[in-house]
Amino acid sequence: MTTVAWIIFIAAAALEVGGDAIIRKGLHGSVLGFIVSGFLMLGCYGMVVNLVKWDFSRLLGVYVAIFAVISVCTGRFLFKEVVPVSTWLGLAIIVVGGTVIQVGAGVAK
């Protein structure tokens, strides 16, 4: 995976996680401006993630692994949530799956 793809995926995941977090905050605090801002961020995520010119299944298969890491780490370190061991184990399985999708695409050619 190229450096550009990594940067795009990380930016897309930050927009997706951030957009969802802002919508959540807006819903819990009844703040329409947060909800609208979150929608805009989620729309931007869709544009950014599709800048990588891969097959759709490979694109989202690999992206999901990066998104999962950023999501769990955001919950743990930004929101100070206690993340159970089962979540960390599940995250490891997702990352292995993303790696298989990424590496397998090169092997199958």
C-alpha atoms as a PDB file:
ATOM      1  CA  MET A   1       0.000   0.000   0.000  1.00  0.00           C
ATOM      2  CA  THR A   2       1.396   3.383  -0.957  1.00  0.00           C
ATOM      3  CA  THR A   3       2.023   6.258   1.430  1.00  0.00           C
ATOM      4  CA  VAL A   4      -0.664   8.277  -0.341  1.00  0.00           C
ATOM      5  CA  ALA A   5      -3.228   5.501   0.236  1.00  0.00           C
ATOM      6  CA  TRP A   6      -2.293   5.404   3.948  1.00  0.00           C
ATOM      7  CA  ILE A   7      -2.735   9.170   4.245  1.00  0.00           C
ATOM      8  CA  ILE A   8      -6.077   9.073   2.432  1.00  0.00           C
ATOM      9  CA  PHE A   9      -7.373   6.194   4.564  1.00  0.00           C
ATOM     10  CA  ILE A  10      -6.294   7.860   7.819  1.00  0.00           C
ATOM     11  CA  ALA A  11      -7.876  11.167   6.770  1.00  0.00           C
ATOM     12  CA  ALA A  12     -11.079   9.376   5.734  1.00  0.00           C
ATOM     13  CA  ALA A  13     -11.224   7.470   9.019  1.00  0.00           C
ATOM     14  CA  ALA A  14     -10.669  10.676  10.997  1.00  0.00           C
ATOM     15  CA  LEU A  15     -13.556  12.302   9.114  1.00  0.00           C
ATOM     16  CA  GLU A  16     -15.817   9.288   9.614  1.00  0.00           C
ATOM     17  CA  VAL A  17     -15.044   8.847  13.318  1.00  0.00           C
ATOM     18  CA  GLY A  18     -15.186  12.607  13.904  1.00  0.00           C
ATOM     19  CA  GLY A  19     -18.446  12.993  12.017  1.00  0.00           C
ATOM     20  CA  ASP A  20     -20.050  10.192  13.978  1.00  0.00           C
ATOM     21  CA  ALA A  21     -18.769  11.574  17.286  1.00  0.00           C
ATOM     22  CA  ILE A  22     -20.126  15.035  16.485  1.00  0.00           C
ATOM     23  CA  ILE A  23     -23.522  13.625  15.480  1.00  0.00           C
ATOM     24  CA  ARG A  24     -23.578  11.616  18.716  1.00  0.00           C
ATOM     25  CA  LYS A  25     -22.784  14.737  20.731  1.00  0.00           C
ATOM     26  CA  GLY A  26     -25.489  16.650  18.848  1.00  0.00           C
ATOM     27  CA  LEU A  27     -28.095  13.962  19.464  1.00  0.00           C
ATOM     28  CA  HIS A  28     -27.271  13.673  23.162  1.00  0.00           C
ATOM     29  CA  GLY A  29     -27.220  17.447  23.618  1.00  0.00           C
ATOM     30  CA  SER A  30     -30.009  18.264  21.154  1.00  0.00           C
ATOM     31  CA  VAL A  31     -27.704  20.560  19.169  1.00  0.00           C
ATOM     32  CA  LEU A  32     -28.778  20.683  15.526  1.00  0.00           C
ATOM     33  CA  GLY A  33     -25.566  22.459  14.434  1.00  0.00           C
ATOM     34  CA  PHE A  34     -23.457  19.503  15.615  1.00  0.00           C
ATOM     35  CA  ILE A  35     -25.701  17.063  13.783  1.00  0.00           C
ATOM     36  CA  VAL A  36     -25.427  19.042  10.544  1.00  0.00           C
ATOM     37  CA  SER A  37     -21.644  19.383  10.947  1.00  0.00           C
ATOM     38  CA  GLY A  38     -21.366  15.626  11.474  1.00  0.00           C
ATOM     39  CA  PHE A  39     -23.383  14.983   8.299  1.00  0.00           C
ATOM     40  CA  LEU A  40     -21.018  17.224   6.354  1.00  0.00           C
ATOM     41  CA  MET A  41     -17.979  15.428   7.739  1.00  0.00           C
ATOM     42  CA  LEU A  42     -19.464  12.051   6.810  1.00  0.00           C
ATOM     43  CA  GLY A  43     -20.082  13.310   3.280  1.00  0.00           C
ATOM     44  CA  CYS A  44     -16.458  14.437   3.080  1.00  0.00           C
ATOM     45  CA  TYR A  45     -15.344  11.008   4.304  1.00  0.00           C
ATOM     46  CA  GLY A  46     -17.149   9.416   1.352  1.00  0.00           C
ATOM     47  CA  MET A  47     -15.381  11.703  -1.070  1.00  0.00           C
ATOM     48  CA  VAL A  48     -11.926  11.248   0.492  1.00  0.00           C
ATOM     49  CA  VAL A  49     -11.977   7.448   0.849  1.00  0.00           C
ATOM     50  CA  ASN A  50     -12.858   7.081  -2.828  1.00  0.00           C
ATOM     51  CA  LEU A  51      -9.753   9.007  -3.926  1.00  0.00           C
ATOM     52  CA  VAL A  52      -7.894   5.684  -3.775  1.00  0.00           C
ATOM     53  CA  LYS A  53      -8.367   4.082  -7.198  1.00  0.00           C
ATOM     54  CA  TRP A  54      -8.870   0.454  -6.175  1.00  0.00           C
ATOM     55  CA  ASP A  55     -11.647  -2.061  -6.725  1.00  0.00           C
ATOM     56  CA  PHE A  56     -14.521  -1.170  -4.386  1.00  0.00           C
ATOM     57  CA  SER A  57     -14.337  -4.424  -2.393  1.00  0.00           C
ATOM     58  CA  ARG A  58     -10.598  -4.118  -1.814  1.00  0.00           C
ATOM     59  CA  LEU A  59     -10.892  -0.394  -1.066  1.00  0.00           C
ATOM     60  CA  LEU A  60     -13.449  -0.793   1.690  1.00  0.00           C
ATOM     61  CA  GLY A  61     -12.037  -4.106   2.914  1.00  0.00           C
ATOM     62  CA  VAL A  62      -8.673  -2.536   3.692  1.00  0.00           C
ATOM     63  CA  TYR A  63     -10.214   0.768   4.833  1.00  0.00           C
ATOM     64  CA  VAL A  64     -12.413  -0.994   7.395  1.00  0.00           C
ATOM     65  CA  ALA A  65      -9.310  -2.273   9.194  1.00  0.00           C
ATOM     66  CA  ILE A  66      -7.833   1.228   9.421  1.00  0.00           C
ATOM     67  CA  PHE A  67     -11.202   2.675  10.442  1.00  0.00           C
ATOM     68  CA  ALA A  68     -11.577   0.036  13.177  1.00  0.00           C
ATOM     69  CA  VAL A  69      -8.163   0.860  14.678  1.00  0.00           C
ATOM     70  CA  ILE A  70      -8.886   4.593  14.704  1.00  0.00           C
ATOM     71  CA  SER A  71     -12.398   4.033  16.115  1.00  0.00           C
ATOM     72  CA  VAL A  72     -11.288   1.862  19.023  1.00  0.00           C
ATOM     73  CA  CYS A  73      -8.311   4.107  19.797  1.00  0.00           C
ATOM     74  CA  THR A  74     -10.548   7.197  19.704  1.00  0.00           C
ATOM     75  CA  GLY A  75     -12.932   5.607  22.172  1.00  0.00           C
ATOM     76  CA  ARG A  76     -10.080   4.545  24.434  1.00  0.00           C
ATOM     77  CA  PHE A  77      -7.833   7.597  24.374  1.00  0.00           C
ATOM     78  CA  LEU A  78     -10.074  10.534  23.438  1.00  0.00           C
ATOM     79  CA  PHE A  79     -13.290   9.515  25.188  1.00  0.00           C
ATOM     80  CA  LYS A  80     -11.472   7.636  27.989  1.00  0.00           C
ATOM     81  CA  GLU A  81     -13.635   4.535  27.533  1.00  0.00           C
ATOM     82  CA  VAL A  82     -12.607   1.235  29.049  1.00  0.00           C
ATOM     83  CA  VAL A  83     -12.145  -1.072  26.081  1.00  0.00           C
ATOM     84  CA  PRO A  84     -12.598  -4.742  26.960  1.00  0.00           C
ATOM     85  CA  VAL A  85     -10.080  -7.367  25.925  1.00  0.00           C
ATOM     86  CA  SER A  86     -12.686  -8.890  23.602  1.00  0.00           C
ATOM     87  CA  THR A  87     -12.783  -5.628  21.622  1.00  0.00           C
ATOM     88  CA  TRP A  88      -8.991  -5.566  21.274  1.00  0.00           C
ATOM     89  CA  LEU A  89      -9.095  -9.213  20.143  1.00  0.00           C
ATOM     90  CA  GLY A  90     -11.832  -8.440  17.616  1.00  0.00           C
ATOM     91  CA  LEU A  91      -9.811  -5.467  16.387  1.00  0.00           C
ATOM     92  CA  ALA A  92      -6.792  -7.719  15.853  1.00  0.00           C
ATOM     93  CA  ILE A  93      -8.956 -10.101  13.801  1.00  0.00           C
ATOM     94  CA  ILE A  94     -10.219  -7.193  11.675  1.00  0.00           C
ATOM     95  CA  VAL A  95      -6.658  -5.977  11.066  1.00  0.00           C
ATOM     96  CA  VAL A  96      -5.582  -9.476  10.038  1.00  0.00           C
ATOM     97  CA  GLY A  97      -8.549  -9.563   7.638  1.00  0.00           C
ATOM     98  CA  GLY A  98      -7.571  -6.200   6.135  1.00  0.00           C
ATOM     99  CA  THR A  99      -4.013  -7.442   5.737  1.00  0.00           C
ATOM    100  CA  VAL A 100      -5.219 -10.592   3.966  1.00  0.00           C
ATOM    101  CA  ILE A 101      -7.299  -8.447   1.587  1.00  0.00           C
ATOM    102  CA  GLN A 102      -4.346  -6.132   0.888  1.00  0.00           C
ATOM    103  CA  VAL A 103      -1.666  -8.794   0.514  1.00  0.00           C
ATOM    104  CA  GLY A 104      -3.951 -11.284  -1.215  1.00  0.00           C
ATOM    105  CA  ALA A 105      -4.683  -8.802  -3.986  1.00  0.00           C
ATOM    106  CA  GLY A 106      -0.981  -8.712  -4.856  1.00  0.00           C
ATOM    107  CA  VAL A 107      -0.575 -12.487  -4.692  1.00  0.00           C
ATOM    108  CA  ALA A 108      -3.604 -13.182  -6.887  1.00  0.00           C
ATOM    109  CA  LYS A 109      -2.247 -11.127  -9.805  1.00  0.00           C
END
